PDB file of N, CA and C in Angstrom:
ATOM      1  N   UNK A   1       0.833  -1.189   0.000  1.00  0.00           N
ATOM      2  CA  UNK A   1       0.000   0.000   0.000  1.00  0.00           C
ATOM      3  C   UNK A   1       0.874   1.248   0.000  1.00  0.00           C
ATOM      4  N   UNK A   2       0.324   2.289  -0.528  1.00  0.00           N
ATOM      5  CA  UNK A   2       1.013   3.573  -0.478  1.00  0.00           C
ATOM      6  C   UNK A   2       0.768   4.210   0.892  1.00  0.00           C
ATOM      7  N   UNK A   3       1.547   5.208   1.195  1.00  0.00           N
ATOM      8  CA  UNK A   3       1.355   5.943   2.453  1.00  0.00           C
ATOM      9  C   UNK A   3      -0.054   6.523   2.502  1.00  0.00           C
ATOM     10  N   UNK A   4      -0.504   7.075   1.387  1.00  0.00           N
ATOM     11  CA  UNK A   4      -1.848   7.658   1.329  1.00  0.00           C
ATOM     12  C   UNK A   4      -2.923   6.615   1.612  1.00  0.00           C
ATOM     13  N   UNK A   5      -2.765   5.422   1.064  1.00  0.00           N
ATOM     14  CA  UNK A   5      -3.737   4.351   1.309  1.00  0.00           C
ATOM     15  C   UNK A   5      -3.745   3.931   2.772  1.00  0.00           C
ATOM     16  N   UNK A   6      -2.569   3.822   3.367  1.00  0.00           N
ATOM     17  CA  UNK A   6      -2.490   3.465   4.793  1.00  0.00           C
ATOM     18  C   UNK A   6      -3.183   4.536   5.628  1.00  0.00           C
ATOM     19  N   UNK A   7      -2.906   5.797   5.332  1.00  0.00           N
ATOM     20  CA  UNK A   7      -3.551   6.885   6.065  1.00  0.00           C
ATOM     21  C   UNK A   7      -5.061   6.867   5.865  1.00  0.00           C
ATOM     22  N   UNK A   8      -5.494   6.663   4.639  1.00  0.00           N
ATOM     23  CA  UNK A   8      -6.932   6.629   4.363  1.00  0.00           C
ATOM     24  C   UNK A   8      -7.622   5.510   5.133  1.00  0.00           C
ATOM     25  N   UNK A   9      -6.969   4.362   5.243  1.00  0.00           N
ATOM     26  CA  UNK A   9      -7.581   3.209   5.906  1.00  0.00           C
ATOM     27  C   UNK A   9      -7.524   3.273   7.430  1.00  0.00           C
ATOM     28  N   UNK A  10      -6.438   3.760   7.987  1.00  0.00           N
ATOM     29  CA  UNK A  10      -6.189   3.580   9.416  1.00  0.00           C
ATOM     30  C   UNK A  10      -6.100   4.853  10.247  1.00  0.00           C
ATOM     31  N   UNK A  11      -6.110   6.021   9.627  1.00  0.00           N
ATOM     32  CA  UNK A  11      -5.905   7.252  10.388  1.00  0.00           C
ATOM     33  C   UNK A  11      -6.974   7.466  11.453  1.00  0.00           C
ATOM     34  N   UNK A  12      -8.235   7.317  11.095  1.00  0.00           N
ATOM     35  CA  UNK A  12      -9.309   7.594  12.059  1.00  0.00           C
ATOM     36  C   UNK A  12      -9.257   6.639  13.249  1.00  0.00           C
ATOM     37  N   UNK A  13      -8.907   5.390  13.005  1.00  0.00           N
ATOM     38  CA  UNK A  13      -8.768   4.429  14.107  1.00  0.00           C
ATOM     39  C   UNK A  13      -7.621   4.839  15.032  1.00  0.00           C
ATOM     40  N   UNK A  14      -6.486   5.209  14.455  1.00  0.00           N
ATOM     41  CA  UNK A  14      -5.345   5.628  15.272  1.00  0.00           C
ATOM     42  C   UNK A  14      -5.666   6.908  16.031  1.00  0.00           C
ATOM     43  N   UNK A  15      -6.347   7.825  15.377  1.00  0.00           N
ATOM     44  CA  UNK A  15      -6.747   9.086  16.008  1.00  0.00           C
ATOM     45  C   UNK A  15      -7.605   8.803  17.232  1.00  0.00           C
ATOM     46  N   UNK A  16      -8.554   7.889  17.095  1.00  0.00           N
ATOM     47  CA  UNK A  16      -9.436   7.527  18.200  1.00  0.00           C
ATOM     48  C   UNK A  16      -8.647   6.953  19.373  1.00  0.00           C
ATOM     49  N   UNK A  17      -7.682   6.115  19.083  1.00  0.00           N
ATOM     50  CA  UNK A  17      -6.884   5.500  20.149  1.00  0.00           C
ATOM     51  C   UNK A  17      -6.031   6.537  20.872  1.00  0.00           C
ATOM     52  N   UNK A  18      -5.477   7.482  20.127  1.00  0.00           N
ATOM     53  CA  UNK A  18      -4.677   8.543  20.755  1.00  0.00           C
ATOM     54  C   UNK A  18      -5.566   9.389  21.660  1.00  0.00           C
ATOM     55  N   UNK A  19      -6.773   9.697  21.209  1.00  0.00           N
ATOM     56  CA  UNK A  19      -7.706  10.458  22.048  1.00  0.00           C
ATOM     57  C   UNK A  19      -8.082   9.678  23.304  1.00  0.00           C
ATOM     58  N   UNK A  20      -8.257   8.369  23.181  1.00  0.00           N
ATOM     59  CA  UNK A  20      -8.544   7.531  24.358  1.00  0.00           C
ATOM     60  C   UNK A  20      -7.414   7.606  25.370  1.00  0.00           C
ATOM     61  N   UNK A  21      -6.183   7.537  24.902  1.00  0.00           N
ATOM     62  CA  UNK A  21      -5.025   7.611  25.795  1.00  0.00           C
ATOM     63  C   UNK A  21      -4.964   8.988  26.458  1.00  0.00           C
ATOM     64  N   UNK A  22      -5.209  10.045  25.684  1.00  0.00           N
ATOM     65  CA  UNK A  22      -5.184  11.396  26.251  1.00  0.00           C
ATOM     66  C   UNK A  22      -6.252  11.553  27.335  1.00  0.00           C
ATOM     67  N   UNK A  23      -7.438  11.024  27.093  1.00  0.00           N
ATOM     68  CA  UNK A  23      -8.511  11.108  28.091  1.00  0.00           C
ATOM     69  C   UNK A  23      -8.144  10.309  29.338  1.00  0.00           C
ATOM     70  N   UNK A  24      -7.562   9.140  29.139  1.00  0.00           N
ATOM     71  CA  UNK A  24      -7.111   8.321  30.271  1.00  0.00           C
ATOM     72  C   UNK A  24      -6.091   9.090  31.112  1.00  0.00           C
ATOM     73  N   UNK A  25      -5.108   9.709  30.458  1.00  0.00           N
ATOM     74  CA  UNK A  25      -4.082  10.457  31.188  1.00  0.00           C
ATOM     75  C   UNK A  25      -4.686  11.648  31.923  1.00  0.00           C
ATOM     76  N   UNK A  26      -5.675  12.299  31.330  1.00  0.00           N
ATOM     77  CA  UNK A  26      -6.359  13.386  32.025  1.00  0.00           C
ATOM     78  C   UNK A  26      -7.042  12.876  33.295  1.00  0.00           C
ATOM     79  N   UNK A  27      -7.689  11.715  33.212  1.00  0.00           N
ATOM     80  CA  UNK A  27      -8.345  11.136  34.394  1.00  0.00           C
ATOM     81  C   UNK A  27      -7.314  10.793  35.470  1.00  0.00           C
ATOM     82  N   UNK A  28      -6.193  10.228  35.066  1.00  0.00           N
ATOM     83  CA  UNK A  28      -5.136   9.883  36.025  1.00  0.00           C
ATOM     84  C   UNK A  28      -4.615  11.149  36.701  1.00  0.00           C
ATOM     85  N   UNK A  29      -4.399  12.196  35.922  1.00  0.00           N
ATOM     86  CA  UNK A  29      -3.881  13.448  36.490  1.00  0.00           C
ATOM     87  C   UNK A  29      -4.843  14.066  37.497  1.00  0.00           C
ATOM     88  N   UNK A  30      -6.135  13.895  37.277  1.00  0.00           N
ATOM     89  CA  UNK A  30      -7.123  14.468  38.201  1.00  0.00           C
ATOM     90  C   UNK A  30      -7.297  13.623  39.459  1.00  0.00           C
ATOM     91  N   UNK A  31      -6.876  12.395  39.421  1.00  0.00           N
ATOM     92  CA  UNK A  31      -7.066  11.487  40.552  1.00  0.00           C
ATOM     93  C   UNK A  31      -5.945  11.639  41.576  1.00  0.00           C
ATOM     94  N   UNK A  32      -6.265  11.316  42.809  1.00  0.00           N
ATOM     95  CA  UNK A  32      -5.274  11.340  43.876  1.00  0.00           C
ATOM     96  C   UNK A  32      -4.673   9.953  44.043  1.00  0.00           C
ATOM     97  N   UNK A  33      -3.459   9.911  44.577  1.00  0.00           N
ATOM     98  CA  UNK A  33      -2.844   8.626  44.856  1.00  0.00           C
ATOM     99  C   UNK A  33      -1.348   8.643  44.611  1.00  0.00           C
ATOM    100  N   UNK A  34      -0.772   7.504  44.872  1.00  0.00           N
ATOM    101  CA  UNK A  34       0.679   7.337  44.765  1.00  0.00           C
ATOM    102  C   UNK A  34       1.087   7.060  43.312  1.00  0.00           C
ATOM    103  N   UNK A  35       2.373   7.300  42.989  1.00  0.00           N
ATOM    104  CA  UNK A  35       2.877   6.938  41.661  1.00  0.00           C
ATOM    105  C   UNK A  35       2.700   5.440  41.410  1.00  0.00           C
ATOM    106  N   UNK A  36       2.612   5.053  40.154  1.00  0.00           N
ATOM    107  CA  UNK A  36       2.357   3.664  39.801  1.00  0.00           C
ATOM    108  C   UNK A  36       3.254   3.266  38.634  1.00  0.00           C
ATOM    109  N   UNK A  37       3.818   2.074  38.709  1.00  0.00           N
ATOM    110  CA  UNK A  37       4.737   1.594  37.673  1.00  0.00           C
ATOM    111  C   UNK A  37       4.066   1.479  36.309  1.00  0.00           C
ATOM    112  N   UNK A  38       2.767   1.249  36.279  1.00  0.00           N
ATOM    113  CA  UNK A  38       2.077   1.110  34.993  1.00  0.00           C
ATOM    114  C   UNK A  38       2.059   2.419  34.229  1.00  0.00           C
ATOM    115  N   UNK A  39       1.878   3.529  34.938  1.00  0.00           N
ATOM    116  CA  UNK A  39       1.912   4.833  34.275  1.00  0.00           C
ATOM    117  C   UNK A  39       3.309   5.119  33.750  1.00  0.00           C
ATOM    118  N   UNK A  40       4.330   4.760  34.526  1.00  0.00           N
ATOM    119  CA  UNK A  40       5.705   4.929  34.057  1.00  0.00           C
ATOM    120  C   UNK A  40       5.954   4.119  32.786  1.00  0.00           C
ATOM    121  N   UNK A  41       5.452   2.888  32.753  1.00  0.00           N
ATOM    122  CA  UNK A  41       5.622   2.038  31.569  1.00  0.00           C
ATOM    123  C   UNK A  41       4.894   2.627  30.367  1.00  0.00           C
ATOM    124  N   UNK A  42       3.701   3.153  30.590  1.00  0.00           N
ATOM    125  CA  UNK A  42       2.951   3.755  29.492  1.00  0.00           C
ATOM    126  C   UNK A  42       3.669   4.981  28.948  1.00  0.00           C
ATOM    127  N   UNK A  43       4.233   5.777  29.832  1.00  0.00           N
ATOM    128  CA  UNK A  43       4.987   6.958  29.383  1.00  0.00           C
ATOM    129  C   UNK A  43       6.235   6.551  28.600  1.00  0.00           C
ATOM    130  N   UNK A  44       6.886   5.487  29.032  1.00  0.00           N
ATOM    131  CA  UNK A  44       8.036   4.970  28.281  1.00  0.00           C
ATOM    132  C   UNK A  44       7.591   4.512  26.891  1.00  0.00           C
ATOM    133  N   UNK A  45       6.462   3.844  26.834  1.00  0.00           N
ATOM    134  CA  UNK A  45       5.931   3.388  25.548  1.00  0.00           C
ATOM    135  C   UNK A  45       5.614   4.574  24.644  1.00  0.00           C
ATOM    136  N   UNK A  46       5.062   5.625  25.213  1.00  0.00           N
ATOM    137  CA  UNK A  46       4.739   6.805  24.404  1.00  0.00           C
ATOM    138  C   UNK A  46       5.996   7.506  23.898  1.00  0.00           C
ATOM    139  N   UNK A  47       7.064   7.462  24.678  1.00  0.00           N
ATOM    140  CA  UNK A  47       8.336   8.036  24.191  1.00  0.00           C
ATOM    141  C   UNK A  47       8.826   7.271  22.963  1.00  0.00           C
ATOM    142  N   UNK A  48       8.581   5.970  22.930  1.00  0.00           N
ATOM    143  CA  UNK A  48       8.985   5.161  21.777  1.00  0.00           C
ATOM    144  C   UNK A  48       8.209   5.570  20.529  1.00  0.00           C
ATOM    145  N   UNK A  49       7.000   6.085  20.703  1.00  0.00           N
ATOM    146  CA  UNK A  49       6.217   6.544  19.554  1.00  0.00           C
ATOM    147  C   UNK A  49       6.830   7.787  18.916  1.00  0.00           C
ATOM    148  N   UNK A  50       7.498   8.582  19.718  1.00  0.00           N
ATOM    149  CA  UNK A  50       8.110   9.820  19.238  1.00  0.00           C
ATOM    150  C   UNK A  50       9.512   9.528  18.725  1.00  0.00           C
ATOM    151  N   UNK A  51       9.584   8.654  17.749  1.00  0.00           N
ATOM    152  CA  UNK A  51      10.861   8.178  17.239  1.00  0.00           C
ATOM    153  C   UNK A  51      10.739   7.978  15.741  1.00  0.00           C
ATOM    154  N   UNK A  52      11.860   8.061  15.066  1.00  0.00           N
ATOM    155  CA  UNK A  52      11.858   7.784  13.631  1.00  0.00           C
ATOM    156  C   UNK A  52      12.353   6.371  13.349  1.00  0.00           C
ATOM    157  N   UNK A  53      12.624   5.617  14.399  1.00  0.00           N
ATOM    158  CA  UNK A  53      13.088   4.247  14.248  1.00  0.00           C
ATOM    159  C   UNK A  53      11.909   3.367  13.831  1.00  0.00           C
ATOM    160  N   UNK A  54      12.159   2.425  12.953  1.00  0.00           N
ATOM    161  CA  UNK A  54      11.082   1.612  12.387  1.00  0.00           C
ATOM    162  C   UNK A  54      10.535   0.568  13.353  1.00  0.00           C
ATOM    163  N   UNK A  55      11.188   0.321  14.459  1.00  0.00           N
ATOM    164  CA  UNK A  55      10.726  -0.734  15.373  1.00  0.00           C
ATOM    165  C   UNK A  55       9.945  -0.174  16.560  1.00  0.00           C
ATOM    166  N   UNK A  56       9.116   0.827  16.310  1.00  0.00           N
ATOM    167  CA  UNK A  56       8.334   1.440  17.389  1.00  0.00           C
ATOM    168  C   UNK A  56       7.415   0.433  18.073  1.00  0.00           C
ATOM    169  N   UNK A  57       6.754  -0.419  17.306  1.00  0.00           N
ATOM    170  CA  UNK A  57       5.822  -1.389  17.901  1.00  0.00           C
ATOM    171  C   UNK A  57       6.555  -2.312  18.868  1.00  0.00           C
ATOM    172  N   UNK A  58       7.753  -2.748  18.485  1.00  0.00           N
ATOM    173  CA  UNK A  58       8.532  -3.618  19.372  1.00  0.00           C
ATOM    174  C   UNK A  58       8.901  -2.887  20.659  1.00  0.00           C
ATOM    175  N   UNK A  59       9.328  -1.627  20.546  1.00  0.00           N
ATOM    176  CA  UNK A  59       9.714  -0.862  21.731  1.00  0.00           C
ATOM    177  C   UNK A  59       8.512  -0.628  22.654  1.00  0.00           C
ATOM    178  N   UNK A  60       7.350  -0.370  22.071  1.00  0.00           N
ATOM    179  CA  UNK A  60       6.143  -0.185  22.882  1.00  0.00           C
ATOM    180  C   UNK A  60       5.792  -1.492  23.590  1.00  0.00           C
ATOM    181  N   UNK A  61       5.820  -2.579  22.866  1.00  0.00           N
ATOM    182  CA  UNK A  61       5.503  -3.875  23.459  1.00  0.00           C
ATOM    183  C   UNK A  61       6.465  -4.209  24.592  1.00  0.00           C
ATOM    184  N   UNK A  62       7.742  -3.949  24.402  1.00  0.00           N
ATOM    185  CA  UNK A  62       8.722  -4.230  25.451  1.00  0.00           C
ATOM    186  C   UNK A  62       8.500  -3.336  26.673  1.00  0.00           C
ATOM    187  N   UNK A  63       8.129  -2.087  26.443  1.00  0.00           N
ATOM    188  CA  UNK A  63       7.876  -1.180  27.566  1.00  0.00           C
ATOM    189  C   UNK A  63       6.675  -1.645  28.389  1.00  0.00           C
ATOM    190  N   UNK A  64       5.744  -2.336  27.735  1.00  0.00           N
ATOM    191  CA  UNK A  64       4.516  -2.756  28.401  1.00  0.00           C
ATOM    192  C   UNK A  64       4.504  -4.254  28.699  1.00  0.00           C
ATOM    193  N   UNK A  65       5.683  -4.854  28.783  1.00  0.00           N
ATOM    194  CA  UNK A  65       5.784  -6.290  29.042  1.00  0.00           C
ATOM    195  C   UNK A  65       6.598  -6.568  30.297  1.00  0.00           C
ATOM    196  N   UNK A  66       6.247  -7.627  30.958  1.00  0.00           N
ATOM    197  CA  UNK A  66       7.032  -8.123  32.089  1.00  0.00           C
ATOM    198  C   UNK A  66       7.883  -9.262  31.552  1.00  0.00           C
ATOM    199  N   UNK A  67       9.177  -9.040  31.434  1.00  0.00           N
ATOM    200  CA  UNK A  67      10.085 -10.014  30.834  1.00  0.00           C
ATOM    201  C   UNK A  67      10.768 -10.910  31.859  1.00  0.00           C
ATOM    202  N   UNK A  68      10.324 -10.834  33.117  1.00  0.00           N
ATOM    203  CA  UNK A  68      10.949 -11.689  34.126  1.00  0.00           C
ATOM    204  C   UNK A  68      10.660 -13.151  33.801  1.00  0.00           C
ATOM    205  N   UNK A  69      11.618 -14.003  34.117  1.00  0.00           N
ATOM    206  CA  UNK A  69      11.496 -15.424  33.817  1.00  0.00           C
ATOM    207  C   UNK A  69      11.044 -16.247  35.022  1.00  0.00           C
ATOM    208  N   UNK A  70      11.305 -15.752  36.196  1.00  0.00           N
ATOM    209  CA  UNK A  70      10.951 -16.487  37.408  1.00  0.00           C
ATOM    210  C   UNK A  70       9.505 -16.199  37.795  1.00  0.00           C
ATOM    211  N   UNK A  71       8.708 -17.234  37.968  1.00  0.00           N
ATOM    212  CA  UNK A  71       7.320 -17.006  38.377  1.00  0.00           C
ATOM    213  C   UNK A  71       7.257 -16.489  39.809  1.00  0.00           C
ATOM    214  N   UNK A  72       6.193 -15.729  40.076  1.00  0.00           N
ATOM    215  CA  UNK A  72       5.989 -15.266  41.450  1.00  0.00           C
ATOM    216  C   UNK A  72       5.423 -16.422  42.261  1.00  0.00           C
ATOM    217  N   UNK A  73       5.641 -16.427  43.581  1.00  0.00           N
ATOM    218  CA  UNK A  73       5.167 -17.545  44.403  1.00  0.00           C
ATOM    219  C   UNK A  73       3.647 -17.708  44.383  1.00  0.00           C
ATOM    220  N   UNK A  74       2.919 -16.592  44.353  1.00  0.00           N
ATOM    221  CA  UNK A  74       1.459 -16.657  44.362  1.00  0.00           C
ATOM    222  C   UNK A  74       0.907 -15.412  43.680  1.00  0.00           C
ATOM    223  N   UNK A  75      -0.155 -15.595  42.944  1.00  0.00           N
ATOM    224  CA  UNK A  75      -0.788 -14.466  42.266  1.00  0.00           C
ATOM    225  C   UNK A  75      -1.428 -13.541  43.296  1.00  0.00           C
ATOM    226  N   UNK A  76      -1.327 -12.260  43.051  1.00  0.00           N
ATOM    227  CA  UNK A  76      -1.946 -11.279  43.947  1.00  0.00           C
ATOM    228  C   UNK A  76      -3.251 -10.750  43.376  1.00  0.00           C
ATOM    229  N   UNK A  77      -3.481 -10.990  42.093  1.00  0.00           N
ATOM    230  CA  UNK A  77      -4.725 -10.590  41.435  1.00  0.00           C
ATOM    231  C   UNK A  77      -5.133 -11.691  40.467  1.00  0.00           C
ATOM    232  N   UNK A  78      -6.263 -11.525  39.826  1.00  0.00           N
ATOM    233  CA  UNK A  78      -6.727 -12.507  38.852  1.00  0.00           C
ATOM    234  C   UNK A  78      -6.353 -12.118  37.424  1.00  0.00           C
ATOM    235  N   UNK A  79      -5.668 -11.013  37.249  1.00  0.00           N
ATOM    236  CA  UNK A  79      -5.369 -10.550  35.901  1.00  0.00           C
ATOM    237  C   UNK A  79      -3.927 -10.059  35.798  1.00  0.00           C
ATOM    238  N   UNK A  80      -3.427 -10.026  34.583  1.00  0.00           N
ATOM    239  CA  UNK A  80      -2.108  -9.457  34.337  1.00  0.00           C
ATOM    240  C   UNK A  80      -2.172  -7.953  34.535  1.00  0.00           C
ATOM    241  N   UNK A  81      -1.048  -7.346  34.868  1.00  0.00           N
ATOM    242  CA  UNK A  81      -1.048  -5.906  35.111  1.00  0.00           C
ATOM    243  C   UNK A  81      -0.564  -5.099  33.911  1.00  0.00           C
ATOM    244  N   UNK A  82      -0.016  -5.740  32.890  1.00  0.00           N
ATOM    245  CA  UNK A  82       0.346  -5.053  31.658  1.00  0.00           C
ATOM    246  C   UNK A  82       1.677  -4.339  31.677  1.00  0.00           C
ATOM    247  N   UNK A  83       2.474  -4.556  32.708  1.00  0.00           N
ATOM    248  CA  UNK A  83       3.794  -3.936  32.800  1.00  0.00           C
ATOM    249  C   UNK A  83       4.581  -4.655  33.884  1.00  0.00           C
ATOM    250  N   UNK A  84       5.863  -4.402  33.925  1.00  0.00           N
ATOM    251  CA  UNK A  84       6.728  -5.025  34.924  1.00  0.00           C
ATOM    252  C   UNK A  84       6.827  -4.130  36.152  1.00  0.00           C
ATOM    253  N   UNK A  85       6.295  -4.570  37.290  1.00  0.00           N
ATOM    254  CA  UNK A  85       6.332  -3.723  38.482  1.00  0.00           C
ATOM    255  C   UNK A  85       7.742  -3.440  38.995  1.00  0.00           C
ATOM    256  N   UNK A  86       8.723  -4.251  38.632  1.00  0.00           N
ATOM    257  CA  UNK A  86      10.075  -4.047  39.118  1.00  0.00           C
ATOM    258  C   UNK A  86      10.987  -3.346  38.135  1.00  0.00           C
ATOM    259  N   UNK A  87      10.488  -2.996  36.978  1.00  0.00           N
ATOM    260  CA  UNK A  87      11.317  -2.388  35.929  1.00  0.00           C
ATOM    261  C   UNK A  87      11.546  -0.919  36.181  1.00  0.00           C
ATOM    262  N   UNK A  88      12.743  -0.492  35.972  1.00  0.00           N
ATOM    263  CA  UNK A  88      13.075   0.913  36.077  1.00  0.00           C
ATOM    264  C   UNK A  88      13.057   1.527  34.696  1.00  0.00           C
ATOM    265  N   UNK A  89      12.232   2.543  34.506  1.00  0.00           N
ATOM    266  CA  UNK A  89      12.108   3.198  33.190  1.00  0.00           C
ATOM    267  C   UNK A  89      13.309   4.034  32.864  1.00  0.00           C
TER     268      UNK A  89
END
């Protein structure tokens, strides 16, 4: 596909997702509470978007992944958290 075709097909979807992220960040900013590793991971992922390197998707995925190999002794929740709580951004 040409660049124009890609933009014609996917721009509105991407625009919607960016607006969703902006609204989410506005809600987080208005809320009270302690810093959270997930927000740090999301900000790291967004920095990867502001790049001219072709592997942006890989960098975003890595920023939002827990790459530890050792399992935790017991689950603390019923769901994945979407980031590595021990990772330093």
